[in-house]
Amino acid sequence: MALFNYATKETTVKVVYYGPGLSGKTTNLQYLHSRLSPMKRGKLLSLATEADRTLFFDLLPVDIGKIRDFSLRFQLYTVPGQVRYNATRRLVLKGADAVIFVADSQREMREQNIESLNNMHENLIANNINPDDIPLLFQYNKRDLPNILSIDELNNDLNENGKYEYIEAVAIDGSGVEDSLRHITKLAIDDIEKKQSSKLQPIEEVFETTIESGPEPIIESSMYEYPEIEQTIYRPIEAKEVPIQKTSEKETPLPREVVVKEVREVPVIPEEKLDLIISSLNEIVHNLTEIKNTLKDAKKEQKETNVLLRDMRNYFDKMKAKKSWFRF
């Protein structure tokens, strides 16, 4: 949900770009970063791997207007497309106010699109977000490539009955990227107005009106271009209630229940290391089980040996008794 911070007079809205791996989510943010006015955007953060360009998330804070006296800030995130990073996708999706689903129009990506959409619904539900209530926009990317799915096919697969609006895009050259951002911000603001019953001021234009040299080129990144850094996640800590300022009778008061959340950086163990630790623990448990069984067998053999020794002792005692009798 949107956060109203009375300390900074700021409202933060979270938009998540979701979709299969390499569908164009990171390219969207890279293009927007090159097009947005430096006065309106923050720093673009990105981590990459060999298989997928986004490991954790890209974050692009965008100042875009005001709600009454509160600055309106949009935070744009992307999620990793690979299945093995599902825990990270779920974490990034937590608290989302709107979603842009970036679908890959290539015919061979049809199953991946459907799988990613189903995964998004599962992760929304896991975060206590109703998939039917959150503002959603479909972006059908890579429309410039050959052998692509038609719009009707994409809608049949992903957007049943045309419930949600969609935009065709070629993210690599920026076609449809800005339109997607403008449209999702409008949907998100309308949703906030509906939920908060607060009339918003007009949104300021955030894109530069003139660009002499054109947008910056999109650069494919790899994990070797970044120095090694400790992987971290951000989690909200205990919420704090902030006193509500008094408003005049003519003004519409903002909601009284306001949550201000802080973030704290904590280290997280990579999934590869977790898998290695789990594998080692399983091996230790297996070895302990084998040792237990071996000790059990040894105990059984010792018991049988004791019985045999007792029988032998009884036999020798009898022999000794017979020898004494003959001597008598």
C-alpha atoms as a PDB file:
ATOM      1  CA  MET A   1       0.000   0.000   0.000  1.00  0.00           C
ATOM      2  CA  ALA A   2       1.073   3.615  -0.489  1.00  0.00           C
ATOM      3  CA  LEU A   3       2.987   4.985   2.513  1.00  0.00           C
ATOM      4  CA  PHE A   4       2.265   8.467   3.895  1.00  0.00           C
ATOM      5  CA  ASN A   5       5.340   9.772   5.734  1.00  0.00           C
ATOM      6  CA  TYR A   6       4.503  12.824   7.829  1.00  0.00           C
ATOM      7  CA  ALA A   7       8.134  13.320   8.831  1.00  0.00           C
ATOM      8  CA  THR A   8       9.260  13.914   5.241  1.00  0.00           C
ATOM      9  CA  LYS A   9       5.877  15.040   3.821  1.00  0.00           C
ATOM     10  CA  GLU A  10       6.159  12.281   1.240  1.00  0.00           C
ATOM     11  CA  THR A  11       3.887   9.614  -0.225  1.00  0.00           C
ATOM     12  CA  THR A  12       5.638   6.566  -1.693  1.00  0.00           C
ATOM     13  CA  VAL A  13       3.987   4.375  -4.344  1.00  0.00           C
ATOM     14  CA  LYS A  14       5.593   1.073  -5.380  1.00  0.00           C
ATOM     15  CA  VAL A  15       5.351  -0.169  -8.985  1.00  0.00           C
ATOM     16  CA  VAL A  16       6.770  -3.601  -9.871  1.00  0.00           C
ATOM     17  CA  TYR A  17       7.751  -4.765 -13.378  1.00  0.00           C
ATOM     18  CA  TYR A  18       7.010  -8.504 -13.501  1.00  0.00           C
ATOM     19  CA  GLY A  19       7.531 -11.092 -16.238  1.00  0.00           C
ATOM     20  CA  PRO A  20       9.680 -13.989 -17.479  1.00  0.00           C
ATOM     21  CA  GLY A  21      13.462 -13.790 -17.709  1.00  0.00           C
ATOM     22  CA  LEU A  22      14.888 -11.422 -20.343  1.00  0.00           C
ATOM     23  CA  SER A  23      11.434 -10.190 -21.362  1.00  0.00           C
ATOM     24  CA  GLY A  24      12.577  -6.547 -21.123  1.00  0.00           C
ATOM     25  CA  LYS A  25      11.910  -5.526 -17.522  1.00  0.00           C
ATOM     26  CA  THR A  26      15.397  -4.165 -16.839  1.00  0.00           C
ATOM     27  CA  THR A  27      15.528  -2.588 -20.304  1.00  0.00           C
ATOM     28  CA  ASN A  28      12.370  -0.636 -19.419  1.00  0.00           C
ATOM     29  CA  LEU A  29      14.002   0.874 -16.343  1.00  0.00           C
ATOM     30  CA  GLN A  30      17.282   1.564 -18.129  1.00  0.00           C
ATOM     31  CA  TYR A  31      15.457   3.448 -20.877  1.00  0.00           C
ATOM     32  CA  LEU A  32      13.352   5.409 -18.385  1.00  0.00           C
ATOM     33  CA  HIS A  33      16.486   6.320 -16.453  1.00  0.00           C
ATOM     34  CA  SER A  34      18.023   7.769 -19.608  1.00  0.00           C
ATOM     35  CA  ARG A  35      14.865   9.720 -20.480  1.00  0.00           C
ATOM     36  CA  LEU A  36      13.759  11.092 -17.125  1.00  0.00           C
ATOM     37  CA  SER A  37      14.951  14.499 -16.018  1.00  0.00           C
ATOM     38  CA  PRO A  38      17.873  14.207 -13.542  1.00  0.00           C
ATOM     39  CA  MET A  39      15.863  16.493 -11.228  1.00  0.00           C
ATOM     40  CA  LYS A  40      13.043  13.943 -11.161  1.00  0.00           C
ATOM     41  CA  ARG A  41      14.836  10.614 -10.877  1.00  0.00           C
ATOM     42  CA  GLY A  42      17.092   8.837  -8.428  1.00  0.00           C
ATOM     43  CA  LYS A  43      19.985   6.456  -8.905  1.00  0.00           C
ATOM     44  CA  LEU A  44      19.336   3.245 -10.822  1.00  0.00           C
ATOM     45  CA  LEU A  45      20.608   0.211  -8.900  1.00  0.00           C
ATOM     46  CA  SER A  46      21.152  -3.065 -10.716  1.00  0.00           C
ATOM     47  CA  LEU A  47      22.729  -6.450 -10.037  1.00  0.00           C
ATOM     48  CA  ALA A  48      23.371  -9.046 -12.728  1.00  0.00           C
ATOM     49  CA  THR A  49      24.200 -12.731 -13.177  1.00  0.00           C
ATOM     50  CA  GLU A  50      25.344 -14.816 -16.119  1.00  0.00           C
ATOM     51  CA  ALA A  51      21.893 -16.236 -16.825  1.00  0.00           C
ATOM     52  CA  ASP A  52      19.690 -13.215 -16.098  1.00  0.00           C
ATOM     53  CA  ARG A  53      20.427  -9.511 -15.899  1.00  0.00           C
ATOM     54  CA  THR A  54      18.560  -8.951 -12.641  1.00  0.00           C
ATOM     55  CA  LEU A  55      19.447 -10.831  -9.479  1.00  0.00           C
ATOM     56  CA  PHE A  56      17.620  -8.814  -6.841  1.00  0.00           C
ATOM     57  CA  PHE A  57      15.932  -5.685  -8.134  1.00  0.00           C
ATOM     58  CA  ASP A  58      16.302  -2.408  -9.914  1.00  0.00           C
ATOM     59  CA  LEU A  59      15.076   0.628  -7.982  1.00  0.00           C
ATOM     60  CA  LEU A  60      14.232   3.907  -9.657  1.00  0.00           C
ATOM     61  CA  PRO A  61      12.669   6.527  -7.361  1.00  0.00           C
ATOM     62  CA  VAL A  62      10.710   9.060  -9.404  1.00  0.00           C
ATOM     63  CA  ASP A  63       9.276  12.325  -8.019  1.00  0.00           C
ATOM     64  CA  ILE A  64       6.110  12.878  -9.994  1.00  0.00           C
ATOM     65  CA  GLY A  65       3.782  15.349  -8.253  1.00  0.00           C
ATOM     66  CA  LYS A  66       1.878  15.900  -4.995  1.00  0.00           C
ATOM     67  CA  ILE A  67      -1.031  14.632  -2.934  1.00  0.00           C
ATOM     68  CA  ARG A  68      -2.127  17.808  -1.140  1.00  0.00           C
ATOM     69  CA  ASP A  69       1.058  18.908   0.670  1.00  0.00           C
ATOM     70  CA  PHE A  70       2.736  15.535   0.246  1.00  0.00           C
ATOM     71  CA  SER A  71       5.315  14.896  -2.486  1.00  0.00           C
ATOM     72  CA  LEU A  72       4.390  11.924  -4.642  1.00  0.00           C
ATOM     73  CA  ARG A  73       7.243   9.487  -5.213  1.00  0.00           C
ATOM     74  CA  PHE A  74       7.100   6.382  -7.370  1.00  0.00           C
ATOM     75  CA  GLN A  75       9.563   3.566  -6.747  1.00  0.00           C
ATOM     76  CA  LEU A  76      10.011   1.296  -9.765  1.00  0.00           C
ATOM     77  CA  TYR A  77      11.214  -2.266  -9.202  1.00  0.00           C
ATOM     78  CA  THR A  78      11.914  -5.247 -11.438  1.00  0.00           C
ATOM     79  CA  VAL A  79      12.020  -8.854 -10.320  1.00  0.00           C
ATOM     80  CA  PRO A  80      14.402 -11.636 -11.443  1.00  0.00           C
ATOM     81  CA  GLY A  81      12.807 -13.803 -14.105  1.00  0.00           C
ATOM     82  CA  GLN A  82      14.406 -17.132 -13.216  1.00  0.00           C
ATOM     83  CA  VAL A  83      12.360 -19.700 -11.292  1.00  0.00           C
ATOM     84  CA  ARG A  84      15.118 -20.343  -8.746  1.00  0.00           C
ATOM     85  CA  TYR A  85      14.800 -16.740  -7.512  1.00  0.00           C
ATOM     86  CA  ASN A  86      11.102 -17.057  -6.618  1.00  0.00           C
ATOM     87  CA  ALA A  87      11.745 -16.107  -2.979  1.00  0.00           C
ATOM     88  CA  THR A  88      13.285 -12.846  -4.179  1.00  0.00           C
ATOM     89  CA  ARG A  89      10.383 -12.177  -6.577  1.00  0.00           C
ATOM     90  CA  ARG A  90       7.921 -12.662  -3.726  1.00  0.00           C
ATOM     91  CA  LEU A  91       9.912 -10.317  -1.484  1.00  0.00           C
ATOM     92  CA  VAL A  92      10.112  -7.558  -4.129  1.00  0.00           C
ATOM     93  CA  LEU A  93       6.384  -7.891  -4.846  1.00  0.00           C
ATOM     94  CA  LYS A  94       5.524  -7.333  -1.174  1.00  0.00           C
ATOM     95  CA  GLY A  95       3.724  -4.021  -0.646  1.00  0.00           C
ATOM     96  CA  ALA A  96       3.291  -3.346  -4.379  1.00  0.00           C
ATOM     97  CA  ASP A  97       0.700  -0.714  -5.335  1.00  0.00           C
ATOM     98  CA  ALA A  98       0.670  -1.512  -9.078  1.00  0.00           C
ATOM     99  CA  VAL A  99       2.207  -4.018 -11.517  1.00  0.00           C
ATOM    100  CA  ILE A 100       3.360  -3.854 -15.128  1.00  0.00           C
ATOM    101  CA  PHE A 101       3.544  -7.383 -16.556  1.00  0.00           C
ATOM    102  CA  VAL A 102       6.173  -7.379 -19.315  1.00  0.00           C
ATOM    103  CA  ALA A 103       5.346 -10.255 -21.660  1.00  0.00           C
ATOM    104  CA  ASP A 104       7.772 -11.526 -24.309  1.00  0.00           C
ATOM    105  CA  SER A 105       5.971 -11.547 -27.672  1.00  0.00           C
ATOM    106  CA  GLN A 106       8.196 -14.279 -29.147  1.00  0.00           C
ATOM    107  CA  ARG A 107       6.222 -17.427 -29.916  1.00  0.00           C
ATOM    108  CA  GLU A 108       8.755 -19.683 -28.181  1.00  0.00           C
ATOM    109  CA  MET A 109       8.203 -17.711 -24.943  1.00  0.00           C
ATOM    110  CA  ARG A 110       4.475 -18.461 -24.810  1.00  0.00           C
ATOM    111  CA  GLU A 111       4.648 -21.025 -22.000  1.00  0.00           C
ATOM    112  CA  GLN A 112       7.091 -18.896 -19.987  1.00  0.00           C
ATOM    113  CA  ASN A 113       4.686 -15.937 -20.144  1.00  0.00           C
ATOM    114  CA  ILE A 114       1.791 -18.019 -18.801  1.00  0.00           C
ATOM    115  CA  GLU A 115       3.961 -19.611 -16.113  1.00  0.00           C
ATOM    116  CA  SER A 116       5.256 -16.208 -14.982  1.00  0.00           C
ATOM    117  CA  LEU A 117       1.732 -14.742 -14.798  1.00  0.00           C
ATOM    118  CA  ASN A 118       0.505 -17.670 -12.684  1.00  0.00           C
ATOM    119  CA  ASN A 119       3.566 -17.267 -10.474  1.00  0.00           C
ATOM    120  CA  MET A 120       2.769 -13.564 -10.053  1.00  0.00           C
ATOM    121  CA  HIS A 121      -0.770 -14.390  -8.904  1.00  0.00           C
ATOM    122  CA  GLU A 122       0.600 -16.920  -6.387  1.00  0.00           C
ATOM    123  CA  ASN A 123       3.115 -14.429  -4.992  1.00  0.00           C
ATOM    124  CA  LEU A 124       0.504 -11.663  -4.744  1.00  0.00           C
ATOM    125  CA  ILE A 125      -1.749 -13.960  -2.720  1.00  0.00           C
ATOM    126  CA  ALA A 126       1.238 -14.993  -0.562  1.00  0.00           C
ATOM    127  CA  ASN A 127       1.717 -11.277   0.224  1.00  0.00           C
ATOM    128  CA  ASN A 128      -1.991 -10.836   1.087  1.00  0.00           C
ATOM    129  CA  ILE A 129      -2.642  -8.825  -2.091  1.00  0.00           C
ATOM    130  CA  ASN A 130      -5.797  -9.570  -4.080  1.00  0.00           C
ATOM    131  CA  PRO A 131      -4.720 -10.043  -7.745  1.00  0.00           C
ATOM    132  CA  ASP A 132      -8.115  -8.708  -8.860  1.00  0.00           C
ATOM    133  CA  ASP A 133      -7.773  -5.454  -6.889  1.00  0.00           C
ATOM    134  CA  ILE A 134      -4.236  -4.304  -7.699  1.00  0.00           C
ATOM    135  CA  PRO A 135      -3.803  -1.996 -10.747  1.00  0.00           C
ATOM    136  CA  LEU A 136      -2.290  -4.101 -13.563  1.00  0.00           C
ATOM    137  CA  LEU A 137      -1.057  -3.188 -17.043  1.00  0.00           C
ATOM    138  CA  PHE A 138       0.196  -5.625 -19.682  1.00  0.00           C
ATOM    139  CA  GLN A 139       3.141  -4.563 -21.817  1.00  0.00           C
ATOM    140  CA  TYR A 140       3.588  -6.780 -24.883  1.00  0.00           C
ATOM    141  CA  ASN A 141       7.280  -6.293 -25.600  1.00  0.00           C
ATOM    142  CA  LYS A 142       9.559  -7.167 -28.559  1.00  0.00           C
ATOM    143  CA  ARG A 143       6.912  -6.386 -31.187  1.00  0.00           C
ATOM    144  CA  ASP A 144       9.694  -5.703 -33.726  1.00  0.00           C
ATOM    145  CA  LEU A 145      10.903  -9.324 -33.853  1.00  0.00           C
ATOM    146  CA  PRO A 146       9.836 -11.998 -36.377  1.00  0.00           C
ATOM    147  CA  ASN A 147       7.729 -15.031 -35.415  1.00  0.00           C
ATOM    148  CA  ILE A 148       5.826 -13.256 -32.663  1.00  0.00           C
ATOM    149  CA  LEU A 149       2.417 -13.964 -31.167  1.00  0.00           C
ATOM    150  CA  SER A 150      -0.490 -11.826 -32.309  1.00  0.00           C
ATOM    151  CA  ILE A 151      -2.179  -9.461 -29.872  1.00  0.00           C
ATOM    152  CA  ASP A 152      -5.249 -11.715 -29.856  1.00  0.00           C
ATOM    153  CA  GLU A 153      -3.092 -14.722 -28.942  1.00  0.00           C
ATOM    154  CA  LEU A 154      -1.374 -12.812 -26.142  1.00  0.00           C
ATOM    155  CA  ASN A 155      -4.703 -11.597 -24.775  1.00  0.00           C
ATOM    156  CA  ASN A 156      -6.158 -15.113 -24.908  1.00  0.00           C
ATOM    157  CA  ASP A 157      -3.149 -16.439 -22.976  1.00  0.00           C
ATOM    158  CA  LEU A 158      -2.716 -13.650 -20.429  1.00  0.00           C
ATOM    159  CA  ASN A 159      -5.562 -11.136 -20.507  1.00  0.00           C
ATOM    160  CA  GLU A 160      -8.751 -13.152 -20.571  1.00  0.00           C
ATOM    161  CA  ASN A 161     -11.797 -11.213 -21.787  1.00  0.00           C
ATOM    162  CA  GLY A 162      -9.612  -8.097 -22.160  1.00  0.00           C
ATOM    163  CA  LYS A 163     -10.031  -7.313 -18.469  1.00  0.00           C
ATOM    164  CA  TYR A 164      -6.842  -5.232 -18.335  1.00  0.00           C
ATOM    165  CA  GLU A 165      -5.412  -2.653 -20.700  1.00  0.00           C
ATOM    166  CA  TYR A 166      -2.263  -3.415 -22.669  1.00  0.00           C
ATOM    167  CA  ILE A 167       0.437  -1.498 -24.515  1.00  0.00           C
ATOM    168  CA  GLU A 168       2.613  -2.764 -27.363  1.00  0.00           C
ATOM    169  CA  ALA A 169       6.294  -1.993 -26.885  1.00  0.00           C
ATOM    170  CA  VAL A 170       9.818  -2.299 -28.211  1.00  0.00           C
ATOM    171  CA  ALA A 171      11.700  -1.564 -25.003  1.00  0.00           C
ATOM    172  CA  ILE A 172      15.140  -1.620 -26.621  1.00  0.00           C
ATOM    173  CA  ASP A 173      14.336   1.587 -28.536  1.00  0.00           C
ATOM    174  CA  GLY A 174      11.847   2.970 -26.006  1.00  0.00           C
ATOM    175  CA  SER A 175       8.654   2.439 -27.960  1.00  0.00           C
ATOM    176  CA  GLY A 176       5.775   2.095 -25.500  1.00  0.00           C
ATOM    177  CA  VAL A 177       8.018   2.394 -22.428  1.00  0.00           C
ATOM    178  CA  GLU A 178       7.065   5.938 -21.415  1.00  0.00           C
ATOM    179  CA  ASP A 179       3.417   5.272 -22.254  1.00  0.00           C
ATOM    180  CA  SER A 180       3.468   2.264 -19.926  1.00  0.00           C
ATOM    181  CA  LEU A 181       4.850   4.339 -17.052  1.00  0.00           C
ATOM    182  CA  ARG A 182       2.366   7.176 -17.605  1.00  0.00           C
ATOM    183  CA  HIS A 183      -0.533   4.736 -17.757  1.00  0.00           C
ATOM    184  CA  ILE A 184       0.412   2.730 -14.662  1.00  0.00           C
ATOM    185  CA  THR A 185       0.972   5.912 -12.627  1.00  0.00           C
ATOM    186  CA  LYS A 186      -2.518   7.078 -13.594  1.00  0.00           C
ATOM    187  CA  LEU A 187      -3.999   3.712 -12.594  1.00  0.00           C
ATOM    188  CA  ALA A 188      -2.093   3.755  -9.291  1.00  0.00           C
ATOM    189  CA  ILE A 189      -3.145   7.323  -8.461  1.00  0.00           C
ATOM    190  CA  ASP A 190      -6.787   6.573  -9.298  1.00  0.00           C
ATOM    191  CA  ASP A 191      -6.586   3.564  -6.992  1.00  0.00           C
ATOM    192  CA  ILE A 192      -5.103   5.675  -4.168  1.00  0.00           C
ATOM    193  CA  GLU A 193      -7.829   8.303  -4.638  1.00  0.00           C
ATOM    194  CA  LYS A 194     -10.427   5.574  -4.390  1.00  0.00           C
ATOM    195  CA  LYS A 195      -8.934   4.028  -1.255  1.00  0.00           C
ATOM    196  CA  GLN A 196      -7.859   7.220   0.527  1.00  0.00           C
ATOM    197  CA  SER A 197     -10.706   9.513  -0.616  1.00  0.00           C
ATOM    198  CA  SER A 198      -8.167  12.280  -1.298  1.00  0.00           C
ATOM    199  CA  LYS A 199      -8.249  14.410  -4.424  1.00  0.00           C
ATOM    200  CA  LEU A 200      -4.825  14.546  -6.050  1.00  0.00           C
ATOM    201  CA  GLN A 201      -3.234  17.519  -7.718  1.00  0.00           C
ATOM    202  CA  PRO A 202      -2.321  17.218 -11.431  1.00  0.00           C
ATOM    203  CA  ILE A 203       0.788  15.179 -12.142  1.00  0.00           C
ATOM    204  CA  GLU A 204       3.812  17.194 -13.206  1.00  0.00           C
ATOM    205  CA  GLU A 205       5.485  16.260 -16.473  1.00  0.00           C
ATOM    206  CA  VAL A 206       8.564  14.219 -15.615  1.00  0.00           C
ATOM    207  CA  PHE A 207       9.990  13.558 -19.046  1.00  0.00           C
ATOM    208  CA  GLU A 208      12.265  16.167 -20.557  1.00  0.00           C
ATOM    209  CA  THR A 209      10.556  17.974 -23.410  1.00  0.00           C
ATOM    210  CA  THR A 210      13.636  18.157 -25.601  1.00  0.00           C
ATOM    211  CA  ILE A 211      16.537  15.769 -25.962  1.00  0.00           C
ATOM    212  CA  GLU A 212      19.233  16.838 -28.420  1.00  0.00           C
ATOM    213  CA  SER A 213      21.340  13.704 -28.502  1.00  0.00           C
ATOM    214  CA  GLY A 214      18.561  11.156 -28.012  1.00  0.00           C
ATOM    215  CA  PRO A 215      18.265   8.588 -25.238  1.00  0.00           C
ATOM    216  CA  GLU A 216      21.306   6.900 -23.800  1.00  0.00           C
ATOM    217  CA  PRO A 217      21.961   3.461 -25.357  1.00  0.00           C
ATOM    218  CA  ILE A 218      20.916   0.402 -23.404  1.00  0.00           C
ATOM    219  CA  ILE A 219      24.028  -1.462 -22.307  1.00  0.00           C
ATOM    220  CA  GLU A 220      23.881  -5.188 -21.698  1.00  0.00           C
ATOM    221  CA  SER A 221      25.487  -5.825 -18.329  1.00  0.00           C
ATOM    222  CA  SER A 222      27.073  -8.960 -16.937  1.00  0.00           C
ATOM    223  CA  MET A 223      28.082 -10.041 -13.488  1.00  0.00           C
ATOM    224  CA  TYR A 224      31.762  -9.357 -14.260  1.00  0.00           C
ATOM    225  CA  GLU A 225      31.165  -5.650 -14.734  1.00  0.00           C
ATOM    226  CA  TYR A 226      30.197  -5.220 -11.092  1.00  0.00           C
ATOM    227  CA  PRO A 227      32.514  -5.500  -8.078  1.00  0.00           C
ATOM    228  CA  GLU A 228      31.676  -8.162  -5.541  1.00  0.00           C
ATOM    229  CA  ILE A 229      29.245  -6.860  -2.978  1.00  0.00           C
ATOM    230  CA  GLU A 230      27.425  -8.461  -0.074  1.00  0.00           C
ATOM    231  CA  GLN A 231      23.931  -9.419  -1.087  1.00  0.00           C
ATOM    232  CA  THR A 232      21.384  -7.719   1.128  1.00  0.00           C
ATOM    233  CA  ILE A 233      17.665  -7.421   1.349  1.00  0.00           C
ATOM    234  CA  TYR A 234      15.568  -4.703   2.884  1.00  0.00           C
ATOM    235  CA  ARG A 235      12.829  -5.516   5.339  1.00  0.00           C
ATOM    236  CA  PRO A 236      10.425  -3.210   7.177  1.00  0.00           C
ATOM    237  CA  ILE A 237      10.850  -3.080  10.946  1.00  0.00           C
ATOM    238  CA  GLU A 238       8.338  -2.262  13.610  1.00  0.00           C
ATOM    239  CA  ALA A 239       5.893   0.393  12.437  1.00  0.00           C
ATOM    240  CA  LYS A 240       5.664   3.692  14.277  1.00  0.00           C
ATOM    241  CA  GLU A 241       2.562   5.811  14.657  1.00  0.00           C
ATOM    242  CA  VAL A 242       3.106   9.487  13.938  1.00  0.00           C
ATOM    243  CA  PRO A 243       0.857  12.232  15.358  1.00  0.00           C
ATOM    244  CA  ILE A 244      -1.689  13.589  12.885  1.00  0.00           C
ATOM    245  CA  GLN A 245      -1.511  17.306  12.122  1.00  0.00           C
ATOM    246  CA  LYS A 246      -4.755  19.274  12.489  1.00  0.00           C
ATOM    247  CA  THR A 247      -6.524  20.371   9.323  1.00  0.00           C
ATOM    248  CA  SER A 248      -8.962  23.170   8.691  1.00  0.00           C
ATOM    249  CA  GLU A 249     -12.673  22.494   8.277  1.00  0.00           C
ATOM    250  CA  LYS A 250     -12.533  23.103   4.542  1.00  0.00           C
ATOM    251  CA  GLU A 251      -9.736  20.655   3.969  1.00  0.00           C
ATOM    252  CA  THR A 252     -10.353  16.965   3.577  1.00  0.00           C
ATOM    253  CA  PRO A 253      -8.299  15.290   6.304  1.00  0.00           C
ATOM    254  CA  LEU A 254      -5.872  12.578   5.304  1.00  0.00           C
ATOM    255  CA  PRO A 255      -6.371   9.102   6.784  1.00  0.00           C
ATOM    256  CA  ARG A 256      -5.633   9.020  10.515  1.00  0.00           C
ATOM    257  CA  GLU A 257      -3.953   5.645  10.389  1.00  0.00           C
ATOM    258  CA  VAL A 258      -0.554   6.451   8.995  1.00  0.00           C
ATOM    259  CA  VAL A 259       2.353   4.047   8.971  1.00  0.00           C
ATOM    260  CA  VAL A 260       5.934   5.176   8.648  1.00  0.00           C
ATOM    261  CA  LYS A 261       8.290   2.356   7.919  1.00  0.00           C
ATOM    262  CA  GLU A 262      12.037   2.300   8.214  1.00  0.00           C
ATOM    263  CA  VAL A 263      14.299  -0.101   6.372  1.00  0.00           C
ATOM    264  CA  ARG A 264      17.247  -1.875   7.806  1.00  0.00           C
ATOM    265  CA  GLU A 265      19.949  -3.571   5.788  1.00  0.00           C
ATOM    266  CA  VAL A 266      20.556  -7.161   6.802  1.00  0.00           C
ATOM    267  CA  PRO A 267      22.824  -9.773   5.210  1.00  0.00           C
ATOM    268  CA  VAL A 268      21.244 -12.733   3.470  1.00  0.00           C
ATOM    269  CA  ILE A 269      22.777 -16.090   2.598  1.00  0.00           C
ATOM    270  CA  PRO A 270      22.799 -16.777  -1.185  1.00  0.00           C
ATOM    271  CA  GLU A 271      20.504 -19.594  -2.277  1.00  0.00           C
ATOM    272  CA  GLU A 272      23.480 -21.562  -3.656  1.00  0.00           C
ATOM    273  CA  LYS A 273      25.133 -21.553  -0.230  1.00  0.00           C
ATOM    274  CA  LEU A 274      21.842 -22.475   1.423  1.00  0.00           C
ATOM    275  CA  ASP A 275      21.513 -25.449  -0.933  1.00  0.00           C
ATOM    276  CA  LEU A 276      25.086 -26.486  -0.084  1.00  0.00           C
ATOM    277  CA  ILE A 277      24.407 -26.185   3.666  1.00  0.00           C
ATOM    278  CA  ILE A 278      21.181 -28.188   3.371  1.00  0.00           C
ATOM    279  CA  SER A 279      22.990 -30.855   1.328  1.00  0.00           C
ATOM    280  CA  SER A 280      25.762 -31.079   3.940  1.00  0.00           C
ATOM    281  CA  LEU A 281      23.224 -31.362   6.780  1.00  0.00           C
ATOM    282  CA  ASN A 282      21.377 -34.119   4.937  1.00  0.00           C
ATOM    283  CA  GLU A 283      24.661 -35.972   4.445  1.00  0.00           C
ATOM    284  CA  ILE A 284      25.488 -35.629   8.165  1.00  0.00           C
ATOM    285  CA  VAL A 285      22.039 -36.963   9.119  1.00  0.00           C
ATOM    286  CA  HIS A 286      22.544 -39.889   6.731  1.00  0.00           C
ATOM    287  CA  ASN A 287      25.970 -40.666   8.225  1.00  0.00           C
ATOM    288  CA  LEU A 288      24.586 -40.491  11.780  1.00  0.00           C
ATOM    289  CA  THR A 289      21.818 -42.900  10.803  1.00  0.00           C
ATOM    290  CA  GLU A 290      24.378 -45.340   9.399  1.00  0.00           C
ATOM    291  CA  ILE A 291      26.475 -45.058  12.579  1.00  0.00           C
ATOM    292  CA  LYS A 292      23.379 -45.725  14.684  1.00  0.00           C
ATOM    293  CA  ASN A 293      22.565 -48.830  12.639  1.00  0.00           C
ATOM    294  CA  THR A 294      26.169 -50.029  12.872  1.00  0.00           C
ATOM    295  CA  LEU A 295      26.174 -49.615  16.655  1.00  0.00           C
ATOM    296  CA  LYS A 296      22.891 -51.495  16.834  1.00  0.00           C
ATOM    297  CA  ASP A 297      24.351 -54.394  14.831  1.00  0.00           C
ATOM    298  CA  ALA A 298      27.518 -54.365  16.956  1.00  0.00           C
ATOM    299  CA  LYS A 299      25.430 -54.513  20.129  1.00  0.00           C
ATOM    300  CA  LYS A 300      23.534 -57.484  18.737  1.00  0.00           C
ATOM    301  CA  GLU A 301      26.769 -59.282  17.828  1.00  0.00           C
ATOM    302  CA  GLN A 302      28.199 -58.554  21.287  1.00  0.00           C
ATOM    303  CA  LYS A 303      25.101 -60.067  22.876  1.00  0.00           C
ATOM    304  CA  GLU A 304      25.460 -63.200  20.758  1.00  0.00           C
ATOM    305  CA  THR A 305      29.158 -63.410  21.659  1.00  0.00           C
ATOM    306  CA  ASN A 306      28.341 -63.145  25.363  1.00  0.00           C
ATOM    307  CA  VAL A 307      25.849 -66.011  25.027  1.00  0.00           C
ATOM    308  CA  LEU A 308      28.467 -68.108  23.240  1.00  0.00           C
ATOM    309  CA  LEU A 309      31.089 -67.376  25.906  1.00  0.00           C
ATOM    310  CA  ARG A 310      28.617 -68.299  28.646  1.00  0.00           C
ATOM    311  CA  ASP A 311      27.856 -71.607  26.938  1.00  0.00           C
ATOM    312  CA  MET A 312      31.570 -72.327  26.580  1.00  0.00           C
ATOM    313  CA  ARG A 313      32.135 -71.560  30.258  1.00  0.00           C
ATOM    314  CA  ASN A 314      29.322 -73.890  31.255  1.00  0.00           C
ATOM    315  CA  TYR A 315      30.793 -76.594  29.015  1.00  0.00           C
ATOM    316  CA  PHE A 316      34.251 -76.275  30.580  1.00  0.00           C
ATOM    317  CA  ASP A 317      32.725 -76.323  34.058  1.00  0.00           C
ATOM    318  CA  LYS A 318      30.978 -79.594  33.204  1.00  0.00           C
ATOM    319  CA  MET A 319      34.200 -81.041  31.778  1.00  0.00           C
ATOM    320  CA  LYS A 320      36.085 -80.041  34.916  1.00  0.00           C
ATOM    321  CA  ALA A 321      33.425 -81.692  37.074  1.00  0.00           C
ATOM    322  CA  LYS A 322      33.638 -84.960  35.075  1.00  0.00           C
ATOM    323  CA  LYS A 323      37.439 -84.987  35.349  1.00  0.00           C
ATOM    324  CA  SER A 324      37.218 -84.595  39.123  1.00  0.00           C
ATOM    325  CA  TRP A 325      34.750 -87.499  39.288  1.00  0.00           C
ATOM    326  CA  PHE A 326      37.082 -89.881  37.381  1.00  0.00           C
ATOM    327  CA  ARG A 327      39.965 -88.901  39.642  1.00  0.00           C
ATOM    328  CA  PHE A 328      37.839 -89.796  42.663  1.00  0.00           C
END
